[in-house]
Amino acid sequence: MPDYLIEVSIEEGLEQQVAAAGLDLALAERAVAEVLRAEGAVGPLEVGVMIADDDRLHALNRDYRAVDAPTDVLSFADDGAVSPFVSQPGAPHYLGDIAISYQRVLAQAAEYGHSPARELAYLAAHGTLHLLGYDHERGPADEDAMRTREEAAMQALGLTRGL
């Protein structure tokens, strides 16, 4: 299995809410790893996932995308800029970070009729595909490609619709 370092964190102040909702952060980690595996991403790779609140995602969306609205997930891919620092041999390549709105996980799970766990995994998979260069905003063909890959990841994790 490829070597993936996936770190899932919770924004300070949300820990109790996330725990009370029973969200399995390891599932988000497995969703990221499944997409990387399915896409043939060669490790070692590093991905960060942050579970944050709507206000944080709104601010990030405004500041980095010039969209003054909340959103469910944002991805920040490594821009590949040349760095004066030398990486250690075998050190993971930083692929990027994903930010997921905790409130959107709960709301969209209710809206789509599945569990918050599935929604969290789905958004983690979606964000990972963005890190790999997919973009549903380029048009219907790209959107279909992403949806197909997201659903394949959910199937691989045993998270069919309704779960």
N, C-alpha and C. Protein backbone atom coordinates (compact mmCIF):
# COMPACT_ATOMS: atom_id res chain seq x y z
N MET A 1 0.85 -1.19 0.00
CA MET A 1 0.00 0.00 0.00
C MET A 1 0.89 1.24 0.00
N PRO A 2 0.53 2.24 -0.79
CA PRO A 2 1.31 3.48 -0.81
C PRO A 2 1.35 4.12 0.57
N ASP A 3 2.33 4.92 0.77
CA ASP A 3 2.55 5.56 2.06
C ASP A 3 1.89 6.93 2.06
N TYR A 4 0.80 7.05 2.80
CA TYR A 4 0.09 8.31 2.90
C TYR A 4 0.05 8.76 4.36
N LEU A 5 0.41 10.00 4.61
CA LEU A 5 0.31 10.59 5.93
C LEU A 5 -0.87 11.55 5.88
N ILE A 6 -1.95 11.18 6.54
CA ILE A 6 -3.18 11.97 6.52
C ILE A 6 -3.50 12.36 7.96
N GLU A 7 -3.49 13.64 8.21
CA GLU A 7 -3.73 14.15 9.55
C GLU A 7 -5.08 14.86 9.58
N VAL A 8 -5.99 14.37 10.42
CA VAL A 8 -7.30 14.98 10.56
C VAL A 8 -7.33 15.71 11.90
N SER A 9 -7.71 16.98 11.86
CA SER A 9 -7.79 17.76 13.09
C SER A 9 -9.15 18.44 13.18
N ILE A 10 -9.46 18.85 14.39
CA ILE A 10 -10.73 19.54 14.65
C ILE A 10 -10.39 20.95 15.14
N GLU A 11 -11.06 21.92 14.56
CA GLU A 11 -10.86 23.30 14.99
C GLU A 11 -11.15 23.41 16.49
N GLU A 12 -10.31 24.17 17.16
CA GLU A 12 -10.49 24.36 18.60
C GLU A 12 -11.88 24.87 18.90
N GLY A 13 -12.52 24.26 19.88
CA GLY A 13 -13.87 24.63 20.27
C GLY A 13 -14.95 23.74 19.70
N LEU A 14 -14.61 22.94 18.70
CA LEU A 14 -15.60 22.03 18.08
C LEU A 14 -15.46 20.59 18.57
N GLU A 15 -14.43 20.32 19.34
CA GLU A 15 -14.13 18.93 19.72
C GLU A 15 -15.32 18.21 20.35
N GLN A 16 -15.99 18.86 21.29
CA GLN A 16 -17.12 18.21 21.98
C GLN A 16 -18.30 17.99 21.03
N GLN A 17 -18.57 18.94 20.17
CA GLN A 17 -19.68 18.79 19.23
C GLN A 17 -19.43 17.64 18.26
N VAL A 18 -18.21 17.57 17.75
CA VAL A 18 -17.86 16.50 16.81
C VAL A 18 -17.94 15.15 17.50
N ALA A 19 -17.44 15.08 18.72
CA ALA A 19 -17.51 13.83 19.49
C ALA A 19 -18.96 13.44 19.77
N ALA A 20 -19.78 14.42 20.16
CA ALA A 20 -21.19 14.16 20.47
C ALA A 20 -21.95 13.66 19.25
N ALA A 21 -21.55 14.13 18.06
CA ALA A 21 -22.21 13.70 16.82
C ALA A 21 -21.74 12.31 16.42
N GLY A 22 -20.71 11.80 17.08
CA GLY A 22 -20.21 10.46 16.76
C GLY A 22 -19.46 10.38 15.45
N LEU A 23 -18.93 11.50 14.98
CA LEU A 23 -18.19 11.47 13.71
C LEU A 23 -16.87 10.75 13.89
N ASP A 24 -16.62 9.81 13.03
CA ASP A 24 -15.40 9.01 13.06
C ASP A 24 -14.36 9.67 12.16
N LEU A 25 -13.41 10.34 12.76
CA LEU A 25 -12.40 11.05 11.97
C LEU A 25 -11.53 10.09 11.18
N ALA A 26 -11.39 8.87 11.67
CA ALA A 26 -10.62 7.87 10.93
C ALA A 26 -11.29 7.56 9.60
N LEU A 27 -12.60 7.71 9.53
CA LEU A 27 -13.31 7.48 8.27
C LEU A 27 -12.93 8.55 7.23
N ALA A 28 -12.77 9.78 7.66
CA ALA A 28 -12.31 10.83 6.75
C ALA A 28 -10.92 10.49 6.24
N GLU A 29 -10.07 10.02 7.13
CA GLU A 29 -8.72 9.60 6.74
C GLU A 29 -8.76 8.47 5.73
N ARG A 30 -9.62 7.49 5.97
CA ARG A 30 -9.73 6.37 5.03
C ARG A 30 -10.28 6.82 3.68
N ALA A 31 -11.19 7.79 3.68
CA ALA A 31 -11.73 8.31 2.41
C ALA A 31 -10.64 8.98 1.59
N VAL A 32 -9.82 9.78 2.24
CA VAL A 32 -8.70 10.43 1.54
C VAL A 32 -7.77 9.37 0.97
N ALA A 33 -7.41 8.39 1.79
CA ALA A 33 -6.49 7.33 1.36
C ALA A 33 -7.08 6.53 0.21
N GLU A 34 -8.38 6.27 0.24
CA GLU A 34 -9.02 5.50 -0.83
C GLU A 34 -8.96 6.24 -2.16
N VAL A 35 -9.22 7.54 -2.14
CA VAL A 35 -9.15 8.32 -3.37
C VAL A 35 -7.71 8.33 -3.89
N LEU A 36 -6.76 8.55 -3.02
CA LEU A 36 -5.36 8.55 -3.45
C LEU A 36 -4.97 7.20 -4.06
N ARG A 37 -5.40 6.13 -3.41
CA ARG A 37 -5.10 4.78 -3.91
C ARG A 37 -5.75 4.57 -5.27
N ALA A 38 -7.03 4.89 -5.37
CA ALA A 38 -7.78 4.67 -6.61
C ALA A 38 -7.21 5.50 -7.77
N GLU A 39 -6.69 6.66 -7.46
CA GLU A 39 -6.14 7.53 -8.49
C GLU A 39 -4.67 7.21 -8.80
N GLY A 40 -4.12 6.22 -8.10
CA GLY A 40 -2.74 5.82 -8.36
C GLY A 40 -1.70 6.80 -7.86
N ALA A 41 -2.06 7.58 -6.85
CA ALA A 41 -1.12 8.55 -6.29
C ALA A 41 0.01 7.80 -5.58
N VAL A 42 1.22 8.12 -5.96
CA VAL A 42 2.38 7.44 -5.41
C VAL A 42 2.91 8.23 -4.22
N GLY A 43 3.08 7.53 -3.10
CA GLY A 43 3.56 8.16 -1.88
C GLY A 43 5.06 8.15 -1.81
N PRO A 44 5.59 8.68 -0.75
CA PRO A 44 4.84 9.19 0.40
C PRO A 44 4.23 10.57 0.13
N LEU A 45 2.96 10.70 0.53
CA LEU A 45 2.22 11.95 0.37
C LEU A 45 1.63 12.37 1.71
N GLU A 46 1.49 13.67 1.89
CA GLU A 46 0.91 14.21 3.12
C GLU A 46 -0.29 15.08 2.77
N VAL A 47 -1.39 14.84 3.50
CA VAL A 47 -2.62 15.62 3.34
C VAL A 47 -3.13 15.98 4.72
N GLY A 48 -3.53 17.22 4.90
CA GLY A 48 -4.14 17.66 6.14
C GLY A 48 -5.63 17.86 5.93
N VAL A 49 -6.43 17.44 6.91
CA VAL A 49 -7.88 17.64 6.87
C VAL A 49 -8.28 18.34 8.16
N MET A 50 -8.97 19.47 8.04
CA MET A 50 -9.43 20.20 9.21
C MET A 50 -10.95 20.25 9.21
N ILE A 51 -11.53 19.85 10.31
CA ILE A 51 -12.98 19.99 10.51
C ILE A 51 -13.15 21.32 11.24
N ALA A 52 -13.88 22.24 10.61
CA ALA A 52 -14.04 23.59 11.16
C ALA A 52 -15.51 23.97 11.15
N ASP A 53 -15.81 25.16 11.64
CA ASP A 53 -17.20 25.60 11.64
C ASP A 53 -17.51 26.42 10.38
N ASP A 54 -18.79 26.69 10.19
CA ASP A 54 -19.25 27.44 9.02
C ASP A 54 -18.57 28.80 8.91
N ASP A 55 -18.39 29.47 10.04
CA ASP A 55 -17.77 30.79 10.01
C ASP A 55 -16.35 30.72 9.45
N ARG A 56 -15.61 29.70 9.84
CA ARG A 56 -14.23 29.56 9.36
C ARG A 56 -14.20 29.27 7.86
N LEU A 57 -15.10 28.36 7.41
CA LEU A 57 -15.15 28.05 5.97
C LEU A 57 -15.60 29.28 5.17
N HIS A 58 -16.53 30.04 5.72
CA HIS A 58 -16.99 31.26 5.07
C HIS A 58 -15.81 32.22 4.90
N ALA A 59 -15.04 32.42 5.96
CA ALA A 59 -13.89 33.34 5.90
C ALA A 59 -12.84 32.84 4.91
N LEU A 60 -12.56 31.55 4.92
CA LEU A 60 -11.58 30.99 3.97
C LEU A 60 -12.07 31.14 2.53
N ASN A 61 -13.35 30.89 2.32
CA ASN A 61 -13.94 31.00 0.98
C ASN A 61 -13.84 32.45 0.49
N ARG A 62 -14.13 33.38 1.38
CA ARG A 62 -14.05 34.81 1.02
C ARG A 62 -12.60 35.22 0.75
N ASP A 63 -11.71 34.81 1.64
CA ASP A 63 -10.32 35.27 1.55
C ASP A 63 -9.54 34.63 0.40
N TYR A 64 -9.82 33.37 0.10
CA TYR A 64 -9.02 32.66 -0.90
C TYR A 64 -9.70 32.48 -2.25
N ARG A 65 -11.04 32.57 -2.27
CA ARG A 65 -11.75 32.38 -3.53
C ARG A 65 -12.58 33.59 -3.92
N ALA A 66 -12.58 34.62 -3.08
CA ALA A 66 -13.38 35.83 -3.31
C ALA A 66 -14.86 35.51 -3.43
N VAL A 67 -15.31 34.47 -2.70
CA VAL A 67 -16.72 34.10 -2.66
C VAL A 67 -17.19 34.34 -1.23
N ASP A 68 -18.01 35.36 -1.03
CA ASP A 68 -18.44 35.74 0.31
C ASP A 68 -19.67 34.93 0.72
N ALA A 69 -19.44 33.64 0.95
CA ALA A 69 -20.52 32.73 1.33
C ALA A 69 -19.91 31.51 2.02
N PRO A 70 -20.69 30.88 2.89
CA PRO A 70 -20.20 29.63 3.48
C PRO A 70 -20.16 28.54 2.42
N THR A 71 -19.42 27.50 2.69
CA THR A 71 -19.33 26.37 1.78
C THR A 71 -19.08 25.11 2.59
N ASP A 72 -19.22 23.95 1.96
CA ASP A 72 -19.06 22.70 2.69
C ASP A 72 -17.62 22.21 2.77
N VAL A 73 -16.85 22.41 1.70
CA VAL A 73 -15.48 21.91 1.67
C VAL A 73 -14.62 22.81 0.79
N LEU A 74 -13.39 23.01 1.22
CA LEU A 74 -12.41 23.75 0.44
C LEU A 74 -11.12 22.94 0.40
N SER A 75 -10.42 23.04 -0.71
CA SER A 75 -9.14 22.36 -0.87
C SER A 75 -8.07 23.39 -1.19
N PHE A 76 -6.92 23.21 -0.59
CA PHE A 76 -5.79 24.09 -0.81
C PHE A 76 -4.61 23.23 -1.24
N ALA A 77 -4.45 23.10 -2.55
CA ALA A 77 -3.38 22.25 -3.08
C ALA A 77 -2.04 22.96 -2.97
N ASP A 78 -1.00 22.17 -2.81
CA ASP A 78 0.36 22.70 -2.83
C ASP A 78 0.55 23.36 -4.18
N ASP A 79 0.99 24.59 -4.18
CA ASP A 79 1.15 25.30 -5.45
C ASP A 79 2.42 24.94 -6.19
N GLY A 80 3.25 24.10 -5.57
CA GLY A 80 4.45 23.64 -6.25
C GLY A 80 5.54 24.68 -6.35
N ALA A 81 5.38 25.78 -5.62
CA ALA A 81 6.40 26.83 -5.68
C ALA A 81 7.75 26.28 -5.21
N VAL A 82 8.78 26.73 -5.86
CA VAL A 82 10.13 26.30 -5.50
C VAL A 82 10.46 26.84 -4.12
N SER A 83 11.00 25.99 -3.30
CA SER A 83 11.36 26.37 -1.94
C SER A 83 12.87 26.31 -1.77
N PRO A 84 13.39 27.21 -0.95
CA PRO A 84 14.83 27.16 -0.69
C PRO A 84 15.21 26.00 0.23
N PHE A 85 14.20 25.34 0.80
CA PHE A 85 14.47 24.25 1.72
C PHE A 85 14.57 22.94 0.96
N VAL A 86 15.42 22.08 1.44
CA VAL A 86 15.62 20.77 0.84
C VAL A 86 14.88 19.74 1.69
N SER A 87 14.07 18.92 1.06
CA SER A 87 13.36 17.87 1.79
C SER A 87 14.29 16.70 2.06
N GLN A 88 14.03 16.05 3.16
CA GLN A 88 14.77 14.84 3.46
C GLN A 88 14.39 13.76 2.46
N PRO A 89 15.34 12.92 2.08
CA PRO A 89 14.98 11.80 1.19
C PRO A 89 13.91 10.93 1.86
N GLY A 90 12.89 10.61 1.09
CA GLY A 90 11.81 9.76 1.60
C GLY A 90 10.76 10.51 2.40
N ALA A 91 10.95 11.81 2.62
CA ALA A 91 9.95 12.59 3.35
C ALA A 91 8.70 12.72 2.49
N PRO A 92 7.52 12.74 3.12
CA PRO A 92 6.29 12.86 2.33
C PRO A 92 6.24 14.15 1.53
N HIS A 93 5.67 14.07 0.34
CA HIS A 93 5.39 15.26 -0.47
C HIS A 93 4.07 15.83 0.02
N TYR A 94 4.07 17.10 0.35
CA TYR A 94 2.87 17.77 0.83
C TYR A 94 1.94 18.00 -0.36
N LEU A 95 0.78 17.32 -0.35
CA LEU A 95 -0.19 17.45 -1.43
C LEU A 95 -1.10 18.66 -1.20
N GLY A 96 -1.50 18.89 0.05
CA GLY A 96 -2.34 20.04 0.36
C GLY A 96 -3.21 19.80 1.56
N ASP A 97 -4.14 20.74 1.79
CA ASP A 97 -5.05 20.69 2.93
C ASP A 97 -6.49 20.77 2.46
N ILE A 98 -7.36 20.17 3.27
CA ILE A 98 -8.81 20.19 3.02
C ILE A 98 -9.47 20.73 4.28
N ALA A 99 -10.41 21.66 4.11
CA ALA A 99 -11.20 22.18 5.23
C ALA A 99 -12.65 21.79 5.00
N ILE A 100 -13.27 21.20 6.02
CA ILE A 100 -14.65 20.72 5.92
C ILE A 100 -15.48 21.38 7.01
N SER A 101 -16.66 21.88 6.64
CA SER A 101 -17.56 22.50 7.59
C SER A 101 -18.35 21.44 8.36
N TYR A 102 -18.18 21.46 9.66
CA TYR A 102 -18.91 20.53 10.53
C TYR A 102 -20.43 20.71 10.39
N GLN A 103 -20.89 21.96 10.41
CA GLN A 103 -22.33 22.21 10.30
C GLN A 103 -22.89 21.74 8.96
N ARG A 104 -22.11 21.89 7.88
CA ARG A 104 -22.56 21.44 6.56
C ARG A 104 -22.61 19.92 6.49
N VAL A 105 -21.69 19.26 7.18
CA VAL A 105 -21.73 17.79 7.23
C VAL A 105 -23.09 17.35 7.78
N LEU A 106 -23.50 17.94 8.90
CA LEU A 106 -24.77 17.55 9.52
C LEU A 106 -25.97 17.92 8.66
N ALA A 107 -25.97 19.15 8.14
CA ALA A 107 -27.11 19.63 7.34
C ALA A 107 -27.25 18.84 6.05
N GLN A 108 -26.15 18.59 5.35
CA GLN A 108 -26.22 17.88 4.08
C GLN A 108 -26.53 16.41 4.28
N ALA A 109 -26.09 15.82 5.36
CA ALA A 109 -26.45 14.43 5.64
C ALA A 109 -27.97 14.33 5.78
N ALA A 110 -28.57 15.26 6.52
CA ALA A 110 -30.03 15.27 6.68
C ALA A 110 -30.72 15.53 5.34
N GLU A 111 -30.19 16.47 4.57
CA GLU A 111 -30.77 16.82 3.28
C GLU A 111 -30.75 15.65 2.30
N TYR A 112 -29.64 14.92 2.26
CA TYR A 112 -29.48 13.83 1.30
C TYR A 112 -29.92 12.47 1.84
N GLY A 113 -30.32 12.43 3.11
CA GLY A 113 -30.86 11.20 3.67
C GLY A 113 -29.83 10.12 3.96
N HIS A 114 -28.64 10.53 4.34
CA HIS A 114 -27.65 9.54 4.77
C HIS A 114 -26.98 10.02 6.05
N SER A 115 -26.06 9.23 6.55
CA SER A 115 -25.45 9.53 7.84
C SER A 115 -24.43 10.65 7.75
N PRO A 116 -24.22 11.35 8.87
CA PRO A 116 -23.13 12.33 8.90
C PRO A 116 -21.77 11.69 8.60
N ALA A 117 -21.58 10.45 8.98
CA ALA A 117 -20.31 9.76 8.70
C ALA A 117 -20.08 9.68 7.20
N ARG A 118 -21.13 9.31 6.45
CA ARG A 118 -20.99 9.21 5.00
C ARG A 118 -20.72 10.59 4.39
N GLU A 119 -21.40 11.61 4.89
CA GLU A 119 -21.20 12.95 4.35
C GLU A 119 -19.78 13.44 4.62
N LEU A 120 -19.27 13.17 5.81
CA LEU A 120 -17.89 13.54 6.12
C LEU A 120 -16.92 12.84 5.17
N ALA A 121 -17.11 11.55 4.96
CA ALA A 121 -16.24 10.79 4.05
C ALA A 121 -16.37 11.32 2.62
N TYR A 122 -17.59 11.62 2.21
CA TYR A 122 -17.83 12.12 0.85
C TYR A 122 -17.11 13.45 0.63
N LEU A 123 -17.22 14.36 1.60
CA LEU A 123 -16.56 15.66 1.45
C LEU A 123 -15.04 15.52 1.50
N ALA A 124 -14.55 14.59 2.28
CA ALA A 124 -13.10 14.33 2.30
C ALA A 124 -12.65 13.80 0.94
N ALA A 125 -13.43 12.90 0.35
CA ALA A 125 -13.10 12.38 -0.98
C ALA A 125 -13.16 13.50 -2.02
N HIS A 126 -14.18 14.32 -1.95
CA HIS A 126 -14.35 15.44 -2.87
C HIS A 126 -13.14 16.39 -2.79
N GLY A 127 -12.78 16.75 -1.57
CA GLY A 127 -11.64 17.63 -1.39
C GLY A 127 -10.34 17.03 -1.91
N THR A 128 -10.17 15.74 -1.73
CA THR A 128 -8.97 15.06 -2.21
C THR A 128 -8.90 15.10 -3.73
N LEU A 129 -10.02 14.89 -4.38
CA LEU A 129 -10.04 14.97 -5.84
C LEU A 129 -9.64 16.37 -6.31
N HIS A 130 -10.07 17.39 -5.60
CA HIS A 130 -9.63 18.75 -5.95
C HIS A 130 -8.12 18.88 -5.79
N LEU A 131 -7.55 18.30 -4.73
CA LEU A 131 -6.10 18.35 -4.54
C LEU A 131 -5.37 17.69 -5.70
N LEU A 132 -6.01 16.70 -6.30
CA LEU A 132 -5.41 15.97 -7.42
C LEU A 132 -5.67 16.64 -8.77
N GLY A 133 -6.35 17.78 -8.75
CA GLY A 133 -6.54 18.54 -9.99
C GLY A 133 -7.91 18.47 -10.61
N TYR A 134 -8.82 17.71 -10.03
CA TYR A 134 -10.19 17.67 -10.56
C TYR A 134 -10.92 18.95 -10.19
N ASP A 135 -11.82 19.41 -11.06
CA ASP A 135 -12.57 20.62 -10.78
C ASP A 135 -13.93 20.54 -11.46
N HIS A 136 -14.97 20.33 -10.68
CA HIS A 136 -16.33 20.21 -11.21
C HIS A 136 -16.84 21.51 -11.80
N GLU A 137 -16.20 22.63 -11.47
CA GLU A 137 -16.64 23.92 -12.00
C GLU A 137 -16.20 24.16 -13.44
N ARG A 138 -15.38 23.26 -14.00
CA ARG A 138 -14.95 23.42 -15.39
C ARG A 138 -16.05 22.99 -16.37
N GLY A 139 -17.01 22.22 -15.90
CA GLY A 139 -18.10 21.83 -16.78
C GLY A 139 -18.68 20.47 -16.43
N PRO A 140 -19.75 20.09 -17.11
CA PRO A 140 -20.46 18.85 -16.80
C PRO A 140 -19.60 17.58 -16.90
N ALA A 141 -18.72 17.52 -17.85
CA ALA A 141 -17.88 16.31 -17.99
C ALA A 141 -16.97 16.15 -16.78
N ASP A 142 -16.39 17.25 -16.33
CA ASP A 142 -15.53 17.20 -15.14
C ASP A 142 -16.34 16.91 -13.88
N GLU A 143 -17.53 17.47 -13.82
CA GLU A 143 -18.40 17.20 -12.67
C GLU A 143 -18.78 15.72 -12.63
N ASP A 144 -19.13 15.15 -13.77
CA ASP A 144 -19.46 13.72 -13.83
C ASP A 144 -18.27 12.86 -13.44
N ALA A 145 -17.08 13.23 -13.88
CA ALA A 145 -15.88 12.46 -13.53
C ALA A 145 -15.66 12.47 -12.02
N MET A 146 -15.85 13.63 -11.41
CA MET A 146 -15.68 13.70 -9.95
C MET A 146 -16.74 12.88 -9.23
N ARG A 147 -17.98 13.01 -9.64
CA ARG A 147 -19.07 12.27 -8.97
C ARG A 147 -18.83 10.76 -9.05
N THR A 148 -18.41 10.31 -10.21
CA THR A 148 -18.13 8.88 -10.39
C THR A 148 -17.04 8.42 -9.43
N ARG A 149 -15.99 9.18 -9.31
CA ARG A 149 -14.87 8.82 -8.43
C ARG A 149 -15.27 8.92 -6.96
N GLU A 150 -16.06 9.93 -6.61
CA GLU A 150 -16.53 10.06 -5.23
C GLU A 150 -17.39 8.86 -4.83
N GLU A 151 -18.31 8.49 -5.70
CA GLU A 151 -19.18 7.35 -5.40
C GLU A 151 -18.39 6.04 -5.36
N ALA A 152 -17.38 5.91 -6.21
CA ALA A 152 -16.53 4.71 -6.17
C ALA A 152 -15.81 4.61 -4.84
N ALA A 153 -15.35 5.74 -4.33
CA ALA A 153 -14.68 5.74 -3.03
C ALA A 153 -15.66 5.36 -1.92
N MET A 154 -16.88 5.87 -2.00
CA MET A 154 -17.88 5.52 -0.99
C MET A 154 -18.20 4.03 -1.03
N GLN A 155 -18.31 3.49 -2.23
CA GLN A 155 -18.55 2.03 -2.38
C GLN A 155 -17.40 1.23 -1.77
N ALA A 156 -16.18 1.64 -2.06
CA ALA A 156 -15.00 0.93 -1.53
C ALA A 156 -14.97 0.96 -0.01
N LEU A 157 -15.52 2.01 0.57
CA LEU A 157 -15.56 2.13 2.03
C LEU A 157 -16.82 1.51 2.64
N GLY A 158 -17.69 0.96 1.78
CA GLY A 158 -18.93 0.36 2.26
C GLY A 158 -19.96 1.38 2.67
N LEU A 159 -19.90 2.56 2.11
CA LEU A 159 -20.81 3.64 2.46
C LEU A 159 -21.78 3.92 1.32
N THR A 160 -22.68 3.02 1.11
CA THR A 160 -23.67 3.23 0.05
C THR A 160 -24.63 4.32 0.48
N ARG A 161 -25.40 4.82 -0.44
CA ARG A 161 -26.38 5.87 -0.10
C ARG A 161 -27.32 5.34 0.96
N GLY A 162 -27.69 6.22 1.86
CA GLY A 162 -28.58 5.83 2.95
C GLY A 162 -27.82 5.43 4.20
N LEU A 163 -26.51 5.25 4.07
CA LEU A 163 -25.72 4.92 5.27
C LEU A 163 -25.09 6.16 5.84
